[in-house]
Amino acid sequence: MIGRLLPLAILLLASLTGACAARGGAPVPRPFPGASLPPSAVEPAPEPPAPVPVPALISTALRFRGVPYRNGGSDPSGFDCSGFVQYVFGQLGTLLPREVREQYRAGRAVDLDDVEAGDLLFFETEGRGASHVGMAIGRGEFVHAPSSRGVVRVERYDAAYWARRFVGARRVTAATSRPAPFPDAVHSSK
């Protein structure tokens, strides 16, 4: 019986000590959790954040032109501004917060002169601070769900009305869009 179990035990041990395909190489040995790496070991560099696929993002957003404005709306039956942006990014697997002020903290800040298609544009329309959001689509235009004239539409962000109310722009990547996890949280790979 031991003679038959020995090859299985060796096979199991070999599979547990092999290279990890998900990390792209052999595991870095550590003597115990929390210990520093041996001087000869090199920790693999983290992968850069995945870019949001801009052409698909823009074409997805433009499909919803004419959809009515609906306060609190976050689906094709009706959108408010932040629901529209969240829905469009979500269609491509990028999670954004629901509220304008939370979306204003997602991604990284971009100067107005450096705005590219796919960047989020924020405006002050009610009170102080960001209260309206749209998405740049290129050539000085953005798509958004405004409450006035009540449909998703394209406008120029350098038009007098929007230029006076501009408060900032943010560039979102798949990695920067997710909320920060709790410390020591365990994440599933599924």
N, C-alpha and C. Protein backbone atom coordinates (compact mmCIF):
# COMPACT_ATOMS: atom_id res chain seq x y z
N MET A 1 0.82 -1.19 0.00
CA MET A 1 0.00 0.00 0.00
C MET A 1 0.87 1.26 0.00
N ILE A 2 1.93 1.26 0.83
CA ILE A 2 2.82 2.43 0.87
C ILE A 2 3.49 2.60 -0.47
N GLY A 3 3.79 1.50 -1.14
CA GLY A 3 4.42 1.56 -2.46
C GLY A 3 3.53 2.26 -3.47
N ARG A 4 2.22 2.13 -3.36
CA ARG A 4 1.30 2.78 -4.29
C ARG A 4 1.06 4.24 -3.91
N LEU A 5 1.11 4.58 -2.64
CA LEU A 5 0.87 5.96 -2.19
C LEU A 5 2.09 6.85 -2.38
N LEU A 6 3.28 6.28 -2.36
CA LEU A 6 4.50 7.08 -2.49
C LEU A 6 4.54 7.87 -3.81
N PRO A 7 4.24 7.26 -4.98
CA PRO A 7 4.25 8.06 -6.21
C PRO A 7 3.21 9.19 -6.18
N LEU A 8 2.05 8.95 -5.56
CA LEU A 8 1.03 10.00 -5.44
C LEU A 8 1.51 11.14 -4.54
N ALA A 9 2.16 10.78 -3.46
CA ALA A 9 2.68 11.80 -2.54
C ALA A 9 3.76 12.64 -3.22
N ILE A 10 4.63 12.00 -4.00
CA ILE A 10 5.68 12.73 -4.72
C ILE A 10 5.06 13.65 -5.75
N LEU A 11 4.06 13.16 -6.47
CA LEU A 11 3.38 13.99 -7.48
C LEU A 11 2.70 15.19 -6.82
N LEU A 12 2.04 14.96 -5.70
CA LEU A 12 1.38 16.06 -4.98
C LEU A 12 2.41 17.08 -4.51
N LEU A 13 3.48 16.63 -3.94
CA LEU A 13 4.53 17.53 -3.46
C LEU A 13 5.13 18.32 -4.62
N ALA A 14 5.36 17.68 -5.75
CA ALA A 14 5.93 18.37 -6.91
C ALA A 14 4.98 19.42 -7.44
N SER A 15 3.69 19.14 -7.44
CA SER A 15 2.75 20.14 -7.95
C SER A 15 2.63 21.33 -7.02
N LEU A 16 2.82 21.14 -5.73
CA LEU A 16 2.72 22.26 -4.78
C LEU A 16 3.96 23.14 -4.79
N THR A 17 5.08 22.64 -5.22
CA THR A 17 6.30 23.43 -5.21
C THR A 17 6.67 23.98 -6.57
N GLY A 18 5.85 23.72 -7.58
CA GLY A 18 6.14 24.20 -8.93
C GLY A 18 5.89 25.69 -9.07
N ALA A 19 6.18 26.22 -10.24
CA ALA A 19 5.98 27.64 -10.52
C ALA A 19 4.50 27.96 -10.58
N CYS A 20 4.18 29.17 -10.24
CA CYS A 20 2.79 29.64 -10.27
C CYS A 20 2.56 30.37 -11.58
N ALA A 21 1.66 29.87 -12.41
CA ALA A 21 1.40 30.48 -13.71
C ALA A 21 0.80 31.87 -13.56
N ALA A 22 0.03 32.10 -12.50
CA ALA A 22 -0.62 33.40 -12.33
C ALA A 22 0.39 34.50 -12.04
N ARG A 23 1.50 34.18 -11.42
CA ARG A 23 2.49 35.20 -11.10
C ARG A 23 3.58 35.27 -12.15
N GLY A 24 3.60 34.33 -13.05
CA GLY A 24 4.56 34.40 -14.14
C GLY A 24 5.95 33.91 -13.80
N GLY A 25 6.10 33.01 -12.85
CA GLY A 25 7.42 32.49 -12.57
C GLY A 25 7.41 31.68 -11.29
N ALA A 26 8.60 31.27 -10.90
CA ALA A 26 8.72 30.48 -9.68
C ALA A 26 8.43 31.36 -8.48
N PRO A 27 7.81 30.79 -7.45
CA PRO A 27 7.54 31.60 -6.27
C PRO A 27 8.84 32.01 -5.58
N VAL A 28 8.82 33.17 -4.96
CA VAL A 28 9.98 33.66 -4.23
C VAL A 28 9.94 33.01 -2.85
N PRO A 29 10.99 32.24 -2.49
CA PRO A 29 10.96 31.55 -1.20
C PRO A 29 11.09 32.54 -0.04
N ARG A 30 10.32 32.31 0.97
CA ARG A 30 10.39 33.11 2.19
C ARG A 30 10.50 32.12 3.35
N PRO A 31 11.38 32.36 4.30
CA PRO A 31 11.55 31.40 5.39
C PRO A 31 10.30 31.31 6.28
N PHE A 32 9.58 32.38 6.47
CA PHE A 32 8.35 32.38 7.26
C PHE A 32 7.60 33.67 6.93
N PRO A 33 6.28 33.72 7.18
CA PRO A 33 5.51 34.93 6.82
C PRO A 33 6.08 36.17 7.48
N GLY A 34 6.20 37.22 6.71
CA GLY A 34 6.69 38.49 7.21
C GLY A 34 8.20 38.66 7.17
N ALA A 35 8.93 37.59 6.87
CA ALA A 35 10.39 37.67 6.82
C ALA A 35 10.82 38.41 5.56
N SER A 36 11.97 39.04 5.64
CA SER A 36 12.49 39.73 4.47
C SER A 36 12.99 38.71 3.46
N LEU A 37 13.08 39.16 2.21
CA LEU A 37 13.56 38.30 1.14
C LEU A 37 15.07 38.09 1.26
N PRO A 38 15.55 36.93 0.80
CA PRO A 38 17.00 36.76 0.75
C PRO A 38 17.61 37.79 -0.19
N PRO A 39 18.86 38.18 0.00
CA PRO A 39 19.47 39.22 -0.84
C PRO A 39 19.45 38.90 -2.32
N SER A 40 19.49 37.63 -2.69
CA SER A 40 19.53 37.28 -4.10
C SER A 40 18.13 37.25 -4.74
N ALA A 41 17.08 37.24 -3.94
CA ALA A 41 15.72 37.15 -4.48
C ALA A 41 15.25 38.52 -4.95
N VAL A 42 14.54 38.51 -6.05
CA VAL A 42 14.00 39.75 -6.59
C VAL A 42 12.48 39.60 -6.65
N GLU A 43 11.79 40.50 -6.00
CA GLU A 43 10.32 40.49 -6.01
C GLU A 43 9.85 40.92 -7.39
N PRO A 44 8.89 40.20 -7.99
CA PRO A 44 8.40 40.60 -9.31
C PRO A 44 7.74 41.96 -9.27
N ALA A 45 7.93 42.74 -10.32
CA ALA A 45 7.34 44.08 -10.39
C ALA A 45 5.83 43.96 -10.57
N PRO A 46 5.06 44.84 -9.92
CA PRO A 46 3.61 44.79 -10.11
C PRO A 46 3.25 45.19 -11.53
N GLU A 47 2.15 44.62 -12.03
CA GLU A 47 1.70 44.97 -13.37
C GLU A 47 1.08 46.36 -13.35
N PRO A 48 1.27 47.14 -14.42
CA PRO A 48 0.66 48.47 -14.46
C PRO A 48 -0.86 48.32 -14.55
N PRO A 49 -1.61 49.35 -14.09
CA PRO A 49 -3.06 49.25 -14.16
C PRO A 49 -3.53 49.12 -15.61
N ALA A 50 -4.56 48.34 -15.78
CA ALA A 50 -5.11 48.13 -17.12
C ALA A 50 -5.81 49.40 -17.59
N PRO A 51 -5.55 49.82 -18.82
CA PRO A 51 -6.26 50.99 -19.31
C PRO A 51 -7.72 50.64 -19.60
N VAL A 52 -8.57 51.62 -19.46
CA VAL A 52 -9.97 51.44 -19.84
C VAL A 52 -10.00 51.55 -21.36
N PRO A 53 -10.62 50.60 -22.07
CA PRO A 53 -10.63 50.63 -23.54
C PRO A 53 -11.45 51.80 -24.07
N VAL A 54 -10.78 52.90 -24.41
CA VAL A 54 -11.43 54.16 -24.76
C VAL A 54 -12.37 54.05 -25.96
N PRO A 55 -11.98 53.47 -27.10
CA PRO A 55 -12.94 53.42 -28.21
C PRO A 55 -14.25 52.71 -27.84
N ALA A 56 -14.14 51.61 -27.12
CA ALA A 56 -15.35 50.89 -26.69
C ALA A 56 -16.13 51.71 -25.69
N LEU A 57 -15.44 52.42 -24.83
CA LEU A 57 -16.09 53.28 -23.83
C LEU A 57 -16.91 54.36 -24.52
N ILE A 58 -16.31 55.03 -25.50
CA ILE A 58 -16.98 56.11 -26.21
C ILE A 58 -18.16 55.58 -27.02
N SER A 59 -17.96 54.49 -27.74
CA SER A 59 -19.08 53.97 -28.55
C SER A 59 -20.22 53.49 -27.65
N THR A 60 -19.89 52.93 -26.50
CA THR A 60 -20.94 52.52 -25.55
C THR A 60 -21.70 53.74 -25.07
N ALA A 61 -21.00 54.79 -24.68
CA ALA A 61 -21.65 56.00 -24.18
C ALA A 61 -22.55 56.63 -25.25
N LEU A 62 -22.06 56.69 -26.48
CA LEU A 62 -22.82 57.36 -27.54
C LEU A 62 -24.07 56.58 -27.94
N ARG A 63 -24.12 55.29 -27.67
CA ARG A 63 -25.33 54.50 -27.96
C ARG A 63 -26.53 54.99 -27.15
N PHE A 64 -26.27 55.68 -26.05
CA PHE A 64 -27.36 56.09 -25.16
C PHE A 64 -27.83 57.53 -25.40
N ARG A 65 -27.32 58.18 -26.46
CA ARG A 65 -27.82 59.52 -26.78
C ARG A 65 -29.33 59.46 -26.93
N GLY A 66 -30.01 60.43 -26.34
CA GLY A 66 -31.46 60.49 -26.44
C GLY A 66 -32.19 59.78 -25.31
N VAL A 67 -31.48 58.99 -24.49
CA VAL A 67 -32.13 58.35 -23.34
C VAL A 67 -32.53 59.45 -22.37
N PRO A 68 -33.75 59.39 -21.83
CA PRO A 68 -34.22 60.47 -20.97
C PRO A 68 -33.46 60.57 -19.64
N TYR A 69 -33.41 61.81 -19.15
CA TYR A 69 -32.88 62.06 -17.82
C TYR A 69 -33.90 61.55 -16.80
N ARG A 70 -33.40 60.87 -15.77
CA ARG A 70 -34.25 60.45 -14.66
C ARG A 70 -33.43 60.59 -13.39
N ASN A 71 -33.90 61.42 -12.46
CA ASN A 71 -33.20 61.63 -11.20
C ASN A 71 -33.04 60.28 -10.50
N GLY A 72 -31.80 59.91 -10.17
CA GLY A 72 -31.52 58.62 -9.54
C GLY A 72 -31.42 57.48 -10.54
N GLY A 73 -31.57 57.77 -11.83
CA GLY A 73 -31.55 56.73 -12.85
C GLY A 73 -30.16 56.21 -13.12
N SER A 74 -30.07 54.90 -13.28
CA SER A 74 -28.76 54.29 -13.53
C SER A 74 -28.86 53.12 -14.51
N ASP A 75 -29.84 53.19 -15.43
CA ASP A 75 -29.96 52.16 -16.46
C ASP A 75 -30.59 52.79 -17.70
N PRO A 76 -30.61 52.08 -18.81
CA PRO A 76 -31.08 52.66 -20.08
C PRO A 76 -32.54 53.14 -20.10
N SER A 77 -33.31 52.87 -19.06
CA SER A 77 -34.66 53.43 -19.01
C SER A 77 -34.62 54.91 -18.60
N GLY A 78 -33.49 55.36 -18.08
CA GLY A 78 -33.29 56.75 -17.68
C GLY A 78 -32.06 56.88 -16.82
N PHE A 79 -31.29 57.94 -17.06
CA PHE A 79 -30.03 58.16 -16.33
C PHE A 79 -30.01 59.53 -15.69
N ASP A 80 -29.36 59.61 -14.52
CA ASP A 80 -28.87 60.91 -14.08
C ASP A 80 -27.38 60.91 -14.45
N CYS A 81 -26.68 62.02 -14.20
CA CYS A 81 -25.31 62.14 -14.73
C CYS A 81 -24.36 61.07 -14.19
N SER A 82 -24.35 60.86 -12.88
CA SER A 82 -23.40 59.89 -12.32
C SER A 82 -23.84 58.46 -12.61
N GLY A 83 -25.14 58.22 -12.68
CA GLY A 83 -25.64 56.89 -13.04
C GLY A 83 -25.24 56.52 -14.46
N PHE A 84 -25.27 57.52 -15.36
CA PHE A 84 -24.87 57.30 -16.75
C PHE A 84 -23.40 56.90 -16.83
N VAL A 85 -22.53 57.69 -16.20
CA VAL A 85 -21.09 57.41 -16.24
C VAL A 85 -20.79 56.06 -15.60
N GLN A 86 -21.39 55.79 -14.45
CA GLN A 86 -21.17 54.52 -13.77
C GLN A 86 -21.62 53.35 -14.66
N TYR A 87 -22.77 53.49 -15.30
CA TYR A 87 -23.30 52.42 -16.15
C TYR A 87 -22.38 52.16 -17.35
N VAL A 88 -21.94 53.21 -18.01
CA VAL A 88 -21.08 53.06 -19.19
C VAL A 88 -19.77 52.37 -18.82
N PHE A 89 -19.10 52.83 -17.77
CA PHE A 89 -17.85 52.20 -17.35
C PHE A 89 -18.11 50.76 -16.91
N GLY A 90 -19.23 50.52 -16.23
CA GLY A 90 -19.57 49.18 -15.78
C GLY A 90 -19.76 48.20 -16.92
N GLN A 91 -20.26 48.69 -18.05
CA GLN A 91 -20.45 47.82 -19.21
C GLN A 91 -19.13 47.24 -19.71
N LEU A 92 -18.04 47.92 -19.38
CA LEU A 92 -16.71 47.46 -19.79
C LEU A 92 -15.91 46.89 -18.62
N GLY A 93 -16.61 46.60 -17.52
CA GLY A 93 -15.97 45.94 -16.39
C GLY A 93 -15.21 46.84 -15.44
N THR A 94 -15.41 48.15 -15.52
CA THR A 94 -14.73 49.07 -14.62
C THR A 94 -15.74 49.62 -13.62
N LEU A 95 -15.48 49.37 -12.34
CA LEU A 95 -16.38 49.79 -11.29
C LEU A 95 -16.11 51.23 -10.89
N LEU A 96 -17.17 52.03 -10.84
CA LEU A 96 -17.07 53.40 -10.36
C LEU A 96 -18.06 53.59 -9.22
N PRO A 97 -17.76 54.50 -8.31
CA PRO A 97 -18.75 54.81 -7.28
C PRO A 97 -20.01 55.40 -7.93
N ARG A 98 -21.10 55.47 -7.19
CA ARG A 98 -22.37 55.93 -7.74
C ARG A 98 -22.52 57.45 -7.73
N GLU A 99 -22.05 58.11 -6.72
CA GLU A 99 -22.29 59.55 -6.55
C GLU A 99 -21.20 60.39 -7.22
N VAL A 100 -21.59 61.59 -7.70
CA VAL A 100 -20.66 62.50 -8.38
C VAL A 100 -19.45 62.79 -7.50
N ARG A 101 -19.66 63.15 -6.25
CA ARG A 101 -18.54 63.52 -5.38
C ARG A 101 -17.59 62.36 -5.15
N GLU A 102 -18.10 61.14 -5.13
CA GLU A 102 -17.23 59.96 -4.99
C GLU A 102 -16.49 59.69 -6.30
N GLN A 103 -17.17 59.88 -7.43
CA GLN A 103 -16.50 59.70 -8.72
C GLN A 103 -15.39 60.73 -8.89
N TYR A 104 -15.57 61.91 -8.30
CA TYR A 104 -14.56 62.96 -8.39
C TYR A 104 -13.26 62.56 -7.67
N ARG A 105 -13.35 61.58 -6.80
CA ARG A 105 -12.14 61.10 -6.10
C ARG A 105 -11.55 59.86 -6.78
N ALA A 106 -12.23 59.30 -7.79
CA ALA A 106 -11.72 58.11 -8.50
C ALA A 106 -10.64 58.53 -9.49
N GLY A 107 -9.76 57.63 -9.81
CA GLY A 107 -8.74 57.92 -10.82
C GLY A 107 -7.73 58.94 -10.35
N ARG A 108 -7.13 59.61 -11.33
CA ARG A 108 -6.14 60.64 -11.00
C ARG A 108 -6.51 61.93 -11.70
N ALA A 109 -6.13 63.03 -11.10
CA ALA A 109 -6.46 64.35 -11.65
C ALA A 109 -5.73 64.57 -12.97
N VAL A 110 -6.42 65.27 -13.88
CA VAL A 110 -5.88 65.60 -15.19
C VAL A 110 -6.14 67.08 -15.44
N ASP A 111 -5.15 67.81 -15.94
CA ASP A 111 -5.34 69.22 -16.31
C ASP A 111 -6.29 69.30 -17.50
N LEU A 112 -7.06 70.36 -17.57
CA LEU A 112 -8.00 70.53 -18.66
C LEU A 112 -7.29 70.48 -20.01
N ASP A 113 -6.08 71.02 -20.09
CA ASP A 113 -5.32 71.00 -21.35
C ASP A 113 -4.90 69.59 -21.76
N ASP A 114 -4.92 68.65 -20.81
CA ASP A 114 -4.48 67.28 -21.08
C ASP A 114 -5.64 66.28 -21.15
N VAL A 115 -6.87 66.77 -21.16
CA VAL A 115 -8.03 65.89 -21.20
C VAL A 115 -8.02 65.07 -22.48
N GLU A 116 -8.29 63.77 -22.32
CA GLU A 116 -8.37 62.84 -23.45
C GLU A 116 -9.74 62.18 -23.44
N ALA A 117 -10.11 61.59 -24.56
CA ALA A 117 -11.36 60.85 -24.64
C ALA A 117 -11.38 59.79 -23.54
N GLY A 118 -12.51 59.68 -22.86
CA GLY A 118 -12.66 58.72 -21.77
C GLY A 118 -12.46 59.32 -20.40
N ASP A 119 -11.87 60.52 -20.32
CA ASP A 119 -11.69 61.17 -19.02
C ASP A 119 -13.03 61.68 -18.51
N LEU A 120 -13.17 61.70 -17.19
CA LEU A 120 -14.37 62.24 -16.57
C LEU A 120 -14.19 63.74 -16.36
N LEU A 121 -15.23 64.50 -16.68
CA LEU A 121 -15.22 65.96 -16.51
C LEU A 121 -16.24 66.32 -15.45
N PHE A 122 -15.86 67.18 -14.53
CA PHE A 122 -16.72 67.53 -13.40
C PHE A 122 -17.02 69.02 -13.42
N PHE A 123 -18.26 69.33 -13.07
CA PHE A 123 -18.75 70.70 -13.10
C PHE A 123 -19.51 71.01 -11.81
N GLU A 124 -19.51 72.30 -11.48
CA GLU A 124 -20.23 72.79 -10.31
C GLU A 124 -21.54 73.40 -10.80
N THR A 125 -22.64 72.68 -10.65
CA THR A 125 -23.94 73.17 -11.12
C THR A 125 -24.90 73.46 -9.98
N GLU A 126 -24.66 72.86 -8.83
CA GLU A 126 -25.50 73.08 -7.64
C GLU A 126 -24.58 73.25 -6.44
N GLY A 127 -24.62 74.37 -5.79
CA GLY A 127 -23.77 74.58 -4.62
C GLY A 127 -22.30 74.58 -4.99
N ARG A 128 -21.47 74.35 -3.98
CA ARG A 128 -20.03 74.35 -4.21
C ARG A 128 -19.52 72.92 -4.40
N GLY A 129 -18.52 72.77 -5.27
CA GLY A 129 -17.91 71.47 -5.52
C GLY A 129 -18.56 70.74 -6.68
N ALA A 130 -17.98 69.62 -7.01
CA ALA A 130 -18.46 68.82 -8.15
C ALA A 130 -19.88 68.34 -7.90
N SER A 131 -20.78 68.65 -8.83
CA SER A 131 -22.17 68.20 -8.72
C SER A 131 -22.70 67.65 -10.04
N HIS A 132 -21.89 67.69 -11.10
CA HIS A 132 -22.29 67.15 -12.40
C HIS A 132 -21.07 66.51 -13.04
N VAL A 133 -21.29 65.38 -13.74
CA VAL A 133 -20.19 64.66 -14.38
C VAL A 133 -20.60 64.26 -15.79
N GLY A 134 -19.62 64.27 -16.66
CA GLY A 134 -19.78 63.78 -18.03
C GLY A 134 -18.48 63.13 -18.45
N MET A 135 -18.44 62.61 -19.67
CA MET A 135 -17.25 61.92 -20.16
C MET A 135 -16.77 62.56 -21.45
N ALA A 136 -15.49 62.92 -21.47
CA ALA A 136 -14.89 63.50 -22.68
C ALA A 136 -14.91 62.46 -23.80
N ILE A 137 -15.23 62.92 -25.02
CA ILE A 137 -15.23 61.99 -26.16
C ILE A 137 -14.26 62.44 -27.25
N GLY A 138 -13.54 63.53 -27.00
CA GLY A 138 -12.57 64.04 -27.97
C GLY A 138 -13.09 65.28 -28.67
N ARG A 139 -12.17 66.01 -29.31
CA ARG A 139 -12.48 67.23 -30.06
C ARG A 139 -13.22 68.29 -29.22
N GLY A 140 -12.94 68.33 -27.91
CA GLY A 140 -13.56 69.33 -27.04
C GLY A 140 -15.00 69.03 -26.67
N GLU A 141 -15.45 67.81 -26.93
CA GLU A 141 -16.84 67.45 -26.64
C GLU A 141 -16.92 66.44 -25.50
N PHE A 142 -18.08 66.43 -24.86
CA PHE A 142 -18.34 65.43 -23.83
C PHE A 142 -19.78 64.96 -23.94
N VAL A 143 -20.02 63.75 -23.45
CA VAL A 143 -21.36 63.17 -23.43
C VAL A 143 -21.78 63.10 -21.97
N HIS A 144 -23.05 63.45 -21.73
CA HIS A 144 -23.52 63.49 -20.34
C HIS A 144 -25.04 63.39 -20.31
N ALA A 145 -25.56 63.23 -19.10
CA ALA A 145 -27.00 63.16 -18.88
C ALA A 145 -27.42 64.37 -18.05
N PRO A 146 -27.68 65.50 -18.71
CA PRO A 146 -28.08 66.71 -17.97
C PRO A 146 -29.57 66.70 -17.69
N SER A 147 -29.97 67.41 -16.64
CA SER A 147 -31.39 67.48 -16.33
C SER A 147 -32.10 68.49 -17.22
N SER A 148 -31.37 69.51 -17.72
CA SER A 148 -32.01 70.47 -18.61
C SER A 148 -32.16 69.84 -20.00
N ARG A 149 -33.25 70.05 -20.63
CA ARG A 149 -33.60 69.43 -21.92
C ARG A 149 -33.60 67.91 -21.85
N GLY A 150 -33.40 67.35 -20.68
CA GLY A 150 -33.66 66.00 -20.28
C GLY A 150 -33.26 64.78 -21.07
N VAL A 151 -32.19 64.78 -21.86
CA VAL A 151 -31.74 63.55 -22.52
C VAL A 151 -30.22 63.49 -22.54
N VAL A 152 -29.67 62.27 -22.63
CA VAL A 152 -28.23 62.10 -22.80
C VAL A 152 -27.84 62.74 -24.12
N ARG A 153 -26.83 63.60 -24.07
CA ARG A 153 -26.44 64.30 -25.30
C ARG A 153 -24.97 64.69 -25.27
N VAL A 154 -24.49 65.17 -26.41
CA VAL A 154 -23.11 65.61 -26.58
C VAL A 154 -23.10 67.13 -26.63
N GLU A 155 -22.15 67.73 -25.90
CA GLU A 155 -21.96 69.19 -25.92
C GLU A 155 -20.47 69.48 -25.87
N ARG A 156 -20.14 70.73 -26.09
CA ARG A 156 -18.74 71.17 -25.98
C ARG A 156 -18.49 71.60 -24.54
N TYR A 157 -17.38 71.12 -23.98
CA TYR A 157 -17.09 71.51 -22.60
C TYR A 157 -16.42 72.87 -22.52
N ASP A 158 -16.04 73.44 -23.66
CA ASP A 158 -15.50 74.80 -23.65
C ASP A 158 -16.58 75.84 -23.92
N ALA A 159 -17.84 75.41 -24.07
CA ALA A 159 -18.96 76.36 -24.20
C ALA A 159 -19.03 77.20 -22.93
N ALA A 160 -19.46 78.43 -23.04
CA ALA A 160 -19.44 79.37 -21.91
C ALA A 160 -20.08 78.78 -20.65
N TYR A 161 -21.24 78.16 -20.78
CA TYR A 161 -21.93 77.62 -19.61
C TYR A 161 -21.06 76.60 -18.88
N TRP A 162 -20.50 75.64 -19.60
CA TRP A 162 -19.72 74.57 -18.96
C TRP A 162 -18.34 75.06 -18.54
N ALA A 163 -17.69 75.91 -19.32
CA ALA A 163 -16.35 76.40 -18.99
C ALA A 163 -16.36 77.16 -17.65
N ARG A 164 -17.41 77.95 -17.40
CA ARG A 164 -17.53 78.70 -16.13
C ARG A 164 -17.71 77.76 -14.94
N ARG A 165 -18.23 76.58 -15.17
CA ARG A 165 -18.57 75.66 -14.08
C ARG A 165 -17.59 74.49 -13.91
N PHE A 166 -16.57 74.42 -14.76
CA PHE A 166 -15.61 73.32 -14.71
C PHE A 166 -14.85 73.34 -13.38
N VAL A 167 -14.78 72.15 -12.71
CA VAL A 167 -14.02 72.06 -11.46
C VAL A 167 -12.88 71.04 -11.52
N GLY A 168 -12.86 70.17 -12.53
CA GLY A 168 -11.76 69.21 -12.61
C GLY A 168 -12.05 68.07 -13.55
N ALA A 169 -10.98 67.34 -13.86
CA ALA A 169 -11.08 66.15 -14.71
C ALA A 169 -10.30 65.03 -14.06
N ARG A 170 -10.75 63.80 -14.29
CA ARG A 170 -10.11 62.63 -13.71
C ARG A 170 -9.93 61.58 -14.79
N ARG A 171 -8.80 60.89 -14.77
CA ARG A 171 -8.55 59.77 -15.66
C ARG A 171 -8.68 58.49 -14.85
N VAL A 172 -9.52 57.60 -15.32
CA VAL A 172 -9.83 56.37 -14.61
C VAL A 172 -9.20 55.18 -15.33
N THR A 173 -8.49 54.35 -14.59
CA THR A 173 -8.04 53.06 -15.11
C THR A 173 -8.77 52.00 -14.31
N ALA A 174 -8.73 50.78 -14.79
CA ALA A 174 -9.42 49.70 -14.09
C ALA A 174 -8.93 49.60 -12.64
N ALA A 175 -7.65 49.82 -12.40
CA ALA A 175 -7.10 49.69 -11.05
C ALA A 175 -7.47 50.87 -10.16
N THR A 176 -7.58 52.08 -10.71
CA THR A 176 -7.84 53.24 -9.87
C THR A 176 -9.31 53.46 -9.61
N SER A 177 -10.17 52.72 -10.28
CA SER A 177 -11.59 52.97 -10.13
C SER A 177 -12.21 52.24 -8.96
N ARG A 178 -11.58 51.18 -8.50
CA ARG A 178 -12.18 50.38 -7.44
C ARG A 178 -11.96 51.05 -6.09
N PRO A 179 -12.95 50.94 -5.20
CA PRO A 179 -12.76 51.51 -3.87
C PRO A 179 -11.61 50.80 -3.14
N ALA A 180 -10.95 51.52 -2.27
CA ALA A 180 -9.84 50.94 -1.52
C ALA A 180 -10.39 49.84 -0.60
N PRO A 181 -9.72 48.68 -0.56
CA PRO A 181 -10.20 47.59 0.29
C PRO A 181 -9.91 47.87 1.76
N PHE A 182 -10.58 47.14 2.62
CA PHE A 182 -10.27 47.22 4.03
C PHE A 182 -8.86 46.69 4.22
N PRO A 183 -8.13 47.19 5.22
CA PRO A 183 -6.78 46.67 5.47
C PRO A 183 -6.85 45.16 5.72
N ASP A 184 -5.89 44.44 5.19
CA ASP A 184 -5.76 42.99 5.37
C ASP A 184 -6.94 42.21 4.81
N ALA A 185 -7.69 42.81 3.89
CA ALA A 185 -8.83 42.10 3.29
C ALA A 185 -8.32 40.99 2.38
N VAL A 186 -9.05 39.93 2.29
CA VAL A 186 -8.73 38.83 1.40
C VAL A 186 -9.60 38.96 0.17
N HIS A 187 -9.01 38.93 -1.00
CA HIS A 187 -9.76 39.09 -2.25
C HIS A 187 -9.78 37.79 -3.02
N SER A 188 -10.92 37.46 -3.56
CA SER A 188 -11.06 36.28 -4.39
C SER A 188 -10.52 36.59 -5.77
N SER A 189 -9.98 35.60 -6.45
CA SER A 189 -9.48 35.81 -7.81
C SER A 189 -10.57 35.56 -8.83
N LYS A 190 -11.78 35.27 -8.39
CA LYS A 190 -12.90 35.00 -9.31
C LYS A 190 -13.58 36.26 -9.73
